[in-house]
């Protein structure tokens, strides 16, 4: 009888532990490191690309404004002839 009682006690203790069990799997996203999220090389390349676009736009604007000032006539002075040799 004593063995039966200790077994029932152990079994009830086990049942309580099973009922109170919490999930152990971590389903949260991993922590992201700031130096990996901030891609400095990519930002630098984007900045350089925008600088080239701004420069090209400025040159085009100068050409268009020159054409508008001269009423569509091309200026021969700006043309530099380059030798093919």
PDB file of N, CA and C in Angstrom:
ATOM      1  N   UNK A   1       0.807  -1.179   0.000  1.00  0.00           N
ATOM      2  CA  UNK A   1       0.000   0.000   0.000  1.00  0.00           C
ATOM      3  C   UNK A   1       0.867   1.266   0.000  1.00  0.00           C
ATOM      4  N   UNK A   2       1.951   1.216   0.757  1.00  0.00           N
ATOM      5  CA  UNK A   2       2.868   2.359   0.828  1.00  0.00           C
ATOM      6  C   UNK A   2       3.437   2.662  -0.555  1.00  0.00           C
ATOM      7  N   UNK A   3       3.801   1.627  -1.301  1.00  0.00           N
ATOM      8  CA  UNK A   3       4.359   1.821  -2.643  1.00  0.00           C
ATOM      9  C   UNK A   3       3.345   2.437  -3.587  1.00  0.00           C
ATOM     10  N   UNK A   4       2.080   2.048  -3.425  1.00  0.00           N
ATOM     11  CA  UNK A   4       0.994   2.586  -4.252  1.00  0.00           C
ATOM     12  C   UNK A   4       0.821   4.083  -3.992  1.00  0.00           C
ATOM     13  N   UNK A   5       0.881   4.521  -2.723  1.00  0.00           N
ATOM     14  CA  UNK A   5       0.695   5.918  -2.371  1.00  0.00           C
ATOM     15  C   UNK A   5       1.830   6.789  -2.910  1.00  0.00           C
ATOM     16  N   UNK A   6       3.056   6.334  -2.776  1.00  0.00           N
ATOM     17  CA  UNK A   6       4.192   7.110  -3.300  1.00  0.00           C
ATOM     18  C   UNK A   6       4.122   7.192  -4.824  1.00  0.00           C
ATOM     19  N   UNK A   7       3.661   6.128  -5.448  1.00  0.00           N
ATOM     20  CA  UNK A   7       3.539   6.150  -6.907  1.00  0.00           C
ATOM     21  C   UNK A   7       2.463   7.152  -7.323  1.00  0.00           C
ATOM     22  N   UNK A   8       1.320   7.186  -6.617  1.00  0.00           N
ATOM     23  CA  UNK A   8       0.254   8.130  -6.936  1.00  0.00           C
ATOM     24  C   UNK A   8       0.717   9.567  -6.705  1.00  0.00           C
ATOM     25  N   UNK A   9       1.473   9.785  -5.640  1.00  0.00           N
ATOM     26  CA  UNK A   9       2.010  11.119  -5.352  1.00  0.00           C
ATOM     27  C   UNK A   9       2.945  11.565  -6.479  1.00  0.00           C
ATOM     28  N   UNK A  10       3.834  10.669  -6.881  1.00  0.00           N
ATOM     29  CA  UNK A  10       4.770  10.988  -7.960  1.00  0.00           C
ATOM     30  C   UNK A  10       4.022  11.248  -9.262  1.00  0.00           C
ATOM     31  N   UNK A  11       2.979  10.462  -9.509  1.00  0.00           N
ATOM     32  CA  UNK A  11       2.195  10.619 -10.725  1.00  0.00           C
ATOM     33  C   UNK A  11       1.456  11.957 -10.711  1.00  0.00           C
ATOM     34  N   UNK A  12       0.857  12.345  -9.595  1.00  0.00           N
ATOM     35  CA  UNK A  12       0.162  13.628  -9.489  1.00  0.00           C
ATOM     36  C   UNK A  12       1.145  14.791  -9.663  1.00  0.00           C
ATOM     37  N   UNK A  13       2.330  14.635  -9.080  1.00  0.00           N
ATOM     38  CA  UNK A  13       3.374  15.658  -9.252  1.00  0.00           C
ATOM     39  C   UNK A  13       3.757  15.786 -10.732  1.00  0.00           C
ATOM     40  N   UNK A  14       3.896  14.656 -11.392  1.00  0.00           N
ATOM     41  CA  UNK A  14       4.213  14.646 -12.820  1.00  0.00           C
ATOM     42  C   UNK A  14       3.091  15.311 -13.614  1.00  0.00           C
ATOM     43  N   UNK A  15       1.836  15.019 -13.305  1.00  0.00           N
ATOM     44  CA  UNK A  15       0.693  15.601 -14.022  1.00  0.00           C
ATOM     45  C   UNK A  15       0.669  17.123 -13.847  1.00  0.00           C
ATOM     46  N   UNK A  16       0.984  17.615 -12.631  1.00  0.00           N
ATOM     47  CA  UNK A  16       1.038  19.065 -12.402  1.00  0.00           C
ATOM     48  C   UNK A  16       2.141  19.701 -13.235  1.00  0.00           C
ATOM     49  N   UNK A  17       3.290  19.054 -13.281  1.00  0.00           N
ATOM     50  CA  UNK A  17       4.405  19.587 -14.072  1.00  0.00           C
ATOM     51  C   UNK A  17       4.049  19.633 -15.555  1.00  0.00           C
ATOM     52  N   UNK A  18       3.367  18.595 -16.051  1.00  0.00           N
ATOM     53  CA  UNK A  18       2.971  18.571 -17.461  1.00  0.00           C
ATOM     54  C   UNK A  18       1.947  19.668 -17.735  1.00  0.00           C
ATOM     55  N   UNK A  19       1.009  19.870 -16.826  1.00  0.00           N
ATOM     56  CA  UNK A  19      -0.030  20.876 -17.004  1.00  0.00           C
ATOM     57  C   UNK A  19       0.546  22.293 -16.965  1.00  0.00           C
ATOM     58  N   UNK A  20       1.544  22.518 -16.139  1.00  0.00           N
ATOM     59  CA  UNK A  20       2.157  23.847 -16.010  1.00  0.00           C
ATOM     60  C   UNK A  20       3.274  24.100 -17.010  1.00  0.00           C
ATOM     61  N   UNK A  21       3.552  23.150 -17.875  1.00  0.00           N
ATOM     62  CA  UNK A  21       4.671  23.284 -18.815  1.00  0.00           C
ATOM     63  C   UNK A  21       4.419  24.439 -19.786  1.00  0.00           C
ATOM     64  N   UNK A  22       5.462  25.206 -20.046  1.00  0.00           N
ATOM     65  CA  UNK A  22       5.410  26.330 -20.976  1.00  0.00           C
ATOM     66  C   UNK A  22       6.181  25.956 -22.240  1.00  0.00           C
ATOM     67  N   UNK A  23       5.810  26.546 -23.397  1.00  0.00           N
ATOM     68  CA  UNK A  23       6.554  26.246 -24.624  1.00  0.00           C
ATOM     69  C   UNK A  23       7.980  26.794 -24.537  1.00  0.00           C
ATOM     70  N   UNK A  24       8.917  26.061 -25.059  1.00  0.00           N
ATOM     71  CA  UNK A  24      10.323  26.460 -24.990  1.00  0.00           C
ATOM     72  C   UNK A  24      10.872  26.936 -26.323  1.00  0.00           C
ATOM     73  N   UNK A  25      10.079  26.865 -27.377  1.00  0.00           N
ATOM     74  CA  UNK A  25      10.556  27.267 -28.701  1.00  0.00           C
ATOM     75  C   UNK A  25      10.464  28.784 -28.818  1.00  0.00           C
ATOM     76  N   UNK A  26      11.570  29.422 -29.167  1.00  0.00           N
ATOM     77  CA  UNK A  26      11.613  30.874 -29.333  1.00  0.00           C
ATOM     78  C   UNK A  26      11.246  31.203 -30.778  1.00  0.00           C
ATOM     79  N   UNK A  27      10.085  31.807 -30.992  1.00  0.00           N
ATOM     80  CA  UNK A  27       9.627  32.116 -32.349  1.00  0.00           C
ATOM     81  C   UNK A  27       9.828  33.584 -32.706  1.00  0.00           C
ATOM     82  N   UNK A  28      10.528  34.337 -31.859  1.00  0.00           N
ATOM     83  CA  UNK A  28      10.788  35.749 -32.158  1.00  0.00           C
ATOM     84  C   UNK A  28      11.879  35.862 -33.221  1.00  0.00           C
ATOM     85  N   UNK A  29      11.877  36.977 -33.931  1.00  0.00           N
ATOM     86  CA  UNK A  29      12.912  37.233 -34.926  1.00  0.00           C
ATOM     87  C   UNK A  29      14.239  37.464 -34.211  1.00  0.00           C
ATOM     88  N   UNK A  30      15.338  37.045 -34.822  1.00  0.00           N
ATOM     89  CA  UNK A  30      16.635  37.264 -34.175  1.00  0.00           C
ATOM     90  C   UNK A  30      16.976  38.753 -34.136  1.00  0.00           C
ATOM     91  N   UNK A  31      17.770  39.141 -33.156  1.00  0.00           N
ATOM     92  CA  UNK A  31      18.186  40.530 -33.041  1.00  0.00           C
ATOM     93  C   UNK A  31      19.078  40.880 -34.228  1.00  0.00           C
ATOM     94  N   UNK A  32      18.808  42.028 -34.831  1.00  0.00           N
ATOM     95  CA  UNK A  32      19.620  42.441 -35.965  1.00  0.00           C
ATOM     96  C   UNK A  32      20.665  43.444 -35.488  1.00  0.00           C
ATOM     97  N   UNK A  33      21.867  43.284 -35.966  1.00  0.00           N
ATOM     98  CA  UNK A  33      22.965  44.170 -35.576  1.00  0.00           C
ATOM     99  C   UNK A  33      22.942  45.412 -36.453  1.00  0.00           C
ATOM    100  N   UNK A  34      23.142  46.563 -35.839  1.00  0.00           N
ATOM    101  CA  UNK A  34      22.992  47.820 -36.572  1.00  0.00           C
ATOM    102  C   UNK A  34      24.015  47.958 -37.691  1.00  0.00           C
ATOM    103  N   UNK A  35      25.237  47.470 -37.494  1.00  0.00           N
ATOM    104  CA  UNK A  35      26.244  47.624 -38.539  1.00  0.00           C
ATOM    105  C   UNK A  35      25.973  46.705 -39.729  1.00  0.00           C
ATOM    106  N   UNK A  36      25.124  45.702 -39.546  1.00  0.00           N
ATOM    107  CA  UNK A  36      24.756  44.847 -40.665  1.00  0.00           C
ATOM    108  C   UNK A  36      23.531  45.380 -41.396  1.00  0.00           C
ATOM    109  N   UNK A  37      22.659  46.066 -40.678  1.00  0.00           N
ATOM    110  CA  UNK A  37      21.459  46.629 -41.307  1.00  0.00           C
ATOM    111  C   UNK A  37      21.800  47.857 -42.138  1.00  0.00           C
ATOM    112  N   UNK A  38      22.710  48.681 -41.639  1.00  0.00           N
ATOM    113  CA  UNK A  38      23.077  49.916 -42.316  1.00  0.00           C
ATOM    114  C   UNK A  38      24.209  49.611 -43.289  1.00  0.00           C
ATOM    115  N   UNK A  39      23.865  49.529 -44.569  1.00  0.00           N
ATOM    116  CA  UNK A  39      24.846  49.168 -45.582  1.00  0.00           C
ATOM    117  C   UNK A  39      25.505  50.446 -46.111  1.00  0.00           C
ATOM    118  N   UNK A  40      26.674  50.760 -45.533  1.00  0.00           N
ATOM    119  CA  UNK A  40      27.358  52.009 -45.858  1.00  0.00           C
ATOM    120  C   UNK A  40      27.850  52.033 -47.295  1.00  0.00           C
ATOM    121  N   UNK A  41      28.336  50.918 -47.787  1.00  0.00           N
ATOM    122  CA  UNK A  41      28.834  50.868 -49.163  1.00  0.00           C
ATOM    123  C   UNK A  41      27.695  51.144 -50.146  1.00  0.00           C
ATOM    124  N   UNK A  42      26.548  50.576 -49.887  1.00  0.00           N
ATOM    125  CA  UNK A  42      25.389  50.774 -50.756  1.00  0.00           C
ATOM    126  C   UNK A  42      24.952  52.235 -50.736  1.00  0.00           C
ATOM    127  N   UNK A  43      24.961  52.845 -49.534  1.00  0.00           N
ATOM    128  CA  UNK A  43      24.602  54.257 -49.426  1.00  0.00           C
ATOM    129  C   UNK A  43      25.593  55.138 -50.178  1.00  0.00           C
ATOM    130  N   UNK A  44      26.881  54.810 -50.078  1.00  0.00           N
ATOM    131  CA  UNK A  44      27.909  55.595 -50.764  1.00  0.00           C
ATOM    132  C   UNK A  44      27.738  55.495 -52.271  1.00  0.00           C
ATOM    133  N   UNK A  45      27.499  54.300 -52.785  1.00  0.00           N
ATOM    134  CA  UNK A  45      27.294  54.121 -54.224  1.00  0.00           C
ATOM    135  C   UNK A  45      26.049  54.875 -54.700  1.00  0.00           C
ATOM    136  N   UNK A  46      25.001  54.850 -53.910  1.00  0.00           N
ATOM    137  CA  UNK A  46      23.771  55.575 -54.262  1.00  0.00           C
ATOM    138  C   UNK A  46      24.033  57.079 -54.290  1.00  0.00           C
ATOM    139  N   UNK A  47      24.807  57.567 -53.327  1.00  0.00           N
ATOM    140  CA  UNK A  47      25.152  58.987 -53.278  1.00  0.00           C
ATOM    141  C   UNK A  47      25.955  59.398 -54.507  1.00  0.00           C
ATOM    142  N   UNK A  48      26.930  58.564 -54.889  1.00  0.00           N
ATOM    143  CA  UNK A  48      27.744  58.857 -56.074  1.00  0.00           C
ATOM    144  C   UNK A  48      26.890  58.841 -57.332  1.00  0.00           C
ATOM    145  N   UNK A  49      25.962  57.900 -57.422  1.00  0.00           N
ATOM    146  CA  UNK A  49      25.089  57.808 -58.596  1.00  0.00           C
ATOM    147  C   UNK A  49      24.217  59.061 -58.703  1.00  0.00           C
ATOM    148  N   UNK A  50      23.685  59.527 -57.560  1.00  0.00           N
ATOM    149  CA  UNK A  50      22.869  60.739 -57.567  1.00  0.00           C
ATOM    150  C   UNK A  50      23.702  61.973 -57.922  1.00  0.00           C
ATOM    151  N   UNK A  51      24.964  61.989 -57.498  1.00  0.00           N
ATOM    152  CA  UNK A  51      25.836  63.113 -57.837  1.00  0.00           C
ATOM    153  C   UNK A  51      26.077  63.167 -59.347  1.00  0.00           C
ATOM    154  N   UNK A  52      26.283  62.010 -59.966  1.00  0.00           N
ATOM    155  CA  UNK A  52      26.478  61.960 -61.421  1.00  0.00           C
ATOM    156  C   UNK A  52      25.212  62.419 -62.137  1.00  0.00           C
ATOM    157  N   UNK A  53      24.065  61.992 -61.655  1.00  0.00           N
ATOM    158  CA  UNK A  53      22.795  62.400 -62.269  1.00  0.00           C
ATOM    159  C   UNK A  53      22.599  63.909 -62.141  1.00  0.00           C
ATOM    160  N   UNK A  54      22.909  64.475 -60.970  1.00  0.00           N
ATOM    161  CA  UNK A  54      22.798  65.926 -60.781  1.00  0.00           C
ATOM    162  C   UNK A  54      23.725  66.684 -61.715  1.00  0.00           C
ATOM    163  N   UNK A  55      24.954  66.191 -61.855  1.00  0.00           N
ATOM    164  CA  UNK A  55      25.915  66.850 -62.747  1.00  0.00           C
ATOM    165  C   UNK A  55      25.424  66.815 -64.189  1.00  0.00           C
ATOM    166  N   UNK A  56      24.937  65.651 -64.636  1.00  0.00           N
ATOM    167  CA  UNK A  56      24.425  65.525 -66.000  1.00  0.00           C
ATOM    168  C   UNK A  56      23.206  66.419 -66.215  1.00  0.00           C
ATOM    169  N   UNK A  57      22.334  66.487 -65.225  1.00  0.00           N
ATOM    170  CA  UNK A  57      21.158  67.359 -65.340  1.00  0.00           C
ATOM    171  C   UNK A  57      21.563  68.824 -65.450  1.00  0.00           C
ATOM    172  N   UNK A  58      22.571  69.209 -64.676  1.00  0.00           N
ATOM    173  CA  UNK A  58      23.039  70.600 -64.737  1.00  0.00           C
ATOM    174  C   UNK A  58      23.610  70.919 -66.116  1.00  0.00           C
ATOM    175  N   UNK A  59      24.395  69.991 -66.682  1.00  0.00           N
ATOM    176  CA  UNK A  59      24.952  70.204 -68.016  1.00  0.00           C
ATOM    177  C   UNK A  59      23.843  70.296 -69.059  1.00  0.00           C
ATOM    178  N   UNK A  60      22.855  69.431 -68.969  1.00  0.00           N
ATOM    179  CA  UNK A  60      21.740  69.475 -69.910  1.00  0.00           C
ATOM    180  C   UNK A  60      20.964  70.777 -69.786  1.00  0.00           C
ATOM    181  N   UNK A  61      20.778  71.237 -68.562  1.00  0.00           N
ATOM    182  CA  UNK A  61      20.073  72.493 -68.346  1.00  0.00           C
ATOM    183  C   UNK A  61      20.838  73.660 -68.968  1.00  0.00           C
ATOM    184  N   UNK A  62      22.164  73.650 -68.819  1.00  0.00           N
ATOM    185  CA  UNK A  62      22.974  74.707 -69.438  1.00  0.00           C
ATOM    186  C   UNK A  62      22.834  74.675 -70.952  1.00  0.00           C
ATOM    187  N   UNK A  63      22.858  73.493 -71.545  1.00  0.00           N
ATOM    188  CA  UNK A  63      22.724  73.370 -73.002  1.00  0.00           C
ATOM    189  C   UNK A  63      21.349  73.845 -73.474  1.00  0.00           C
ATOM    190  N   UNK A  64      20.304  73.432 -72.757  1.00  0.00           N
ATOM    191  CA  UNK A  64      18.951  73.842 -73.151  1.00  0.00           C
ATOM    192  C   UNK A  64      18.779  75.346 -73.007  1.00  0.00           C
ATOM    193  N   UNK A  65      19.289  75.909 -71.915  1.00  0.00           N
ATOM    194  CA  UNK A  65      19.163  77.357 -71.732  1.00  0.00           C
ATOM    195  C   UNK A  65      19.954  78.110 -72.795  1.00  0.00           C
ATOM    196  N   UNK A  66      21.094  77.576 -73.200  1.00  0.00           N
ATOM    197  CA  UNK A  66      21.886  78.192 -74.266  1.00  0.00           C
ATOM    198  C   UNK A  66      21.110  78.154 -75.582  1.00  0.00           C
ATOM    199  N   UNK A  67      20.470  77.050 -75.851  1.00  0.00           N
ATOM    200  CA  UNK A  67      19.669  76.920 -77.074  1.00  0.00           C
ATOM    201  C   UNK A  67      18.500  77.893 -77.032  1.00  0.00           C
ATOM    202  N   UNK A  68      17.867  78.031 -75.871  1.00  0.00           N
ATOM    203  CA  UNK A  68      16.736  78.954 -75.760  1.00  0.00           C
ATOM    204  C   UNK A  68      17.180  80.408 -75.922  1.00  0.00           C
ATOM    205  N   UNK A  69      18.365  80.747 -75.422  1.00  0.00           N
ATOM    206  CA  UNK A  69      18.871  82.118 -75.547  1.00  0.00           C
ATOM    207  C   UNK A  69      19.183  82.454 -76.993  1.00  0.00           C
ATOM    208  N   UNK A  70      19.731  81.505 -77.715  1.00  0.00           N
ATOM    209  CA  UNK A  70      20.139  81.769 -79.102  1.00  0.00           C
ATOM    210  C   UNK A  70      19.034  81.417 -80.082  1.00  0.00           C
ATOM    211  N   UNK A  71      17.848  81.131 -79.577  1.00  0.00           N
ATOM    212  CA  UNK A  71      16.671  80.833 -80.390  1.00  0.00           C
ATOM    213  C   UNK A  71      16.894  79.657 -81.329  1.00  0.00           C
ATOM    214  N   UNK A  72      17.522  78.636 -80.793  1.00  0.00           N
ATOM    215  CA  UNK A  72      17.662  77.406 -81.554  1.00  0.00           C
ATOM    216  C   UNK A  72      18.890  77.345 -82.443  1.00  0.00           C
ATOM    217  N   UNK A  73      19.633  78.440 -82.567  1.00  0.00           N
ATOM    218  CA  UNK A  73      20.836  78.414 -83.389  1.00  0.00           C
ATOM    219  C   UNK A  73      21.959  77.763 -82.586  1.00  0.00           C
ATOM    220  N   UNK A  74      22.699  76.920 -83.230  1.00  0.00           N
ATOM    221  CA  UNK A  74      23.796  76.266 -82.524  1.00  0.00           C
ATOM    222  C   UNK A  74      24.997  77.181 -82.510  1.00  0.00           C
ATOM    223  N   UNK A  75      25.720  77.142 -81.441  1.00  0.00           N
ATOM    224  CA  UNK A  75      26.933  77.947 -81.334  1.00  0.00           C
ATOM    225  C   UNK A  75      28.101  77.130 -81.855  1.00  0.00           C
ATOM    226  N   UNK A  76      28.830  77.698 -82.774  1.00  0.00           N
ATOM    227  CA  UNK A  76      29.977  77.003 -83.356  1.00  0.00           C
ATOM    228  C   UNK A  76      31.219  77.158 -82.468  1.00  0.00           C
ATOM    229  N   UNK A  77      31.204  78.121 -81.565  1.00  0.00           N
ATOM    230  CA  UNK A  77      32.369  78.379 -80.725  1.00  0.00           C
ATOM    231  C   UNK A  77      32.616  77.263 -79.716  1.00  0.00           C
ATOM    232  N   UNK A  78      31.560  76.627 -79.254  1.00  0.00           N
ATOM    233  CA  UNK A  78      31.703  75.592 -78.225  1.00  0.00           C
ATOM    234  C   UNK A  78      32.210  74.269 -78.806  1.00  0.00           C
ATOM    235  N   UNK A  79      32.139  74.127 -80.103  1.00  0.00           N
ATOM    236  CA  UNK A  79      32.545  72.875 -80.740  1.00  0.00           C
ATOM    237  C   UNK A  79      34.061  72.871 -80.888  1.00  0.00           C
ATOM    238  N   UNK A  80      34.706  71.958 -80.272  1.00  0.00           N
ATOM    239  CA  UNK A  80      36.155  71.816 -80.407  1.00  0.00           C
ATOM    240  C   UNK A  80      36.422  70.643 -81.330  1.00  0.00           C
ATOM    241  N   UNK A  81      37.100  70.932 -82.418  1.00  0.00           N
ATOM    242  CA  UNK A  81      37.406  69.867 -83.382  1.00  0.00           C
ATOM    243  C   UNK A  81      38.592  69.084 -82.868  1.00  0.00           C
ATOM    244  N   UNK A  82      38.465  67.797 -82.859  1.00  0.00           N
ATOM    245  CA  UNK A  82      39.529  66.948 -82.383  1.00  0.00           C
ATOM    246  C   UNK A  82      40.143  66.210 -83.568  1.00  0.00           C
ATOM    247  N   UNK A  83      41.435  66.139 -83.548  1.00  0.00           N
ATOM    248  CA  UNK A  83      42.153  65.465 -84.623  1.00  0.00           C
ATOM    249  C   UNK A  83      41.963  63.958 -84.500  1.00  0.00           C
ATOM    250  N   UNK A  84      41.859  63.284 -85.612  1.00  0.00           N
ATOM    251  CA  UNK A  84      41.692  61.833 -85.580  1.00  0.00           C
ATOM    252  C   UNK A  84      43.027  61.102 -85.518  1.00  0.00           C
ATOM    253  N   UNK A  85      44.100  61.836 -85.599  1.00  0.00           N
ATOM    254  CA  UNK A  85      45.436  61.212 -85.570  1.00  0.00           C
ATOM    255  C   UNK A  85      45.914  61.045 -84.176  1.00  0.00           C
TER     256      UNK A  85
END
